[in-house]
């Protein structure tokens, strides 16, 4: 599959069939915590590399093959709202199935009417809010120069009160970046202006783009979740990954391309497929020059360069 991956386990969405409508690392942010690494293609212009009909063809195949799909998630390998035909894609997916359509986004392009209207069509929108002011926005999210924090926030607030679906906010909490009293007070003021259904608080589970990014202690995360009336999800993801690809090694590569996997997730995946030679797979992964193996939080995680 070129555009579709999974279903993969999501701590928020269950078994998620992912759609990547833009090329790898195409984004208008270069977030310090990004699990894909540094942004290669920094842009704030809409892109249309992948035809809607080709994406839909793959969706149709997976709707027939996959045993369990809880949600179809448009997430991309960067910022999916940069996809020029997002509204058309959502509309046509919903014509194929009753499975909810979710969009995971940084929310910055809600200032654009086409994006605003497109996201109104989705069943679940998951915007991220990691910054509590312009300074922290530039420090954490490292935005494209065309973006303005206050304008994007105002558009999200407006959208939240018009949108009829579910809004699940997510905030990535990092030690020394946005875990201070000032940050928490800032988040309180922001969240009370937004109409949302859930607030997820996370801390980097997978290796971040910058080595200076550190996770927050679990007890502090729980405390912040209580203070902000959010849900703490700073735990390892469910290891129940799935792939239609028969070859175990190629299946793992197809998942890692969009979603870095740690050694335990790979081992669990191989066990579920009754692979009796996991050491051989890890040897091949370690020799693959297109991959990076990063020791993070005392275990190895694999991602593409």
Foldseek 3Di string as FASTA:
>chain_A
DVFWFWLDQDPPQGREIEGAQDDALEEQWQFQFDQQAGRPHHDPAADHPDDLVVSVVVVVVCVVPDPDHQEYEYEHNYARLSHPCLLVNLVVVVVVDVRFYEYEHQQQPLLPVVSLVSRLSGQEYEHEDAFLAQVLCCVGTVGHPVTDPVSSLVSQLVSQVVRPHAYEYEYEDWPPRQLDPVNLVSVLVSVVSGNHDAYEYEYRPHGGNDPVTHGDDPVSLVVSCVSNVHHYDHDDTDLPIDDPDPDLLVSQVVCQARPKDWPVSSVVNCVVVVNPCVVVSVVVQVPDPQWDWDQDPNTTIIHGD
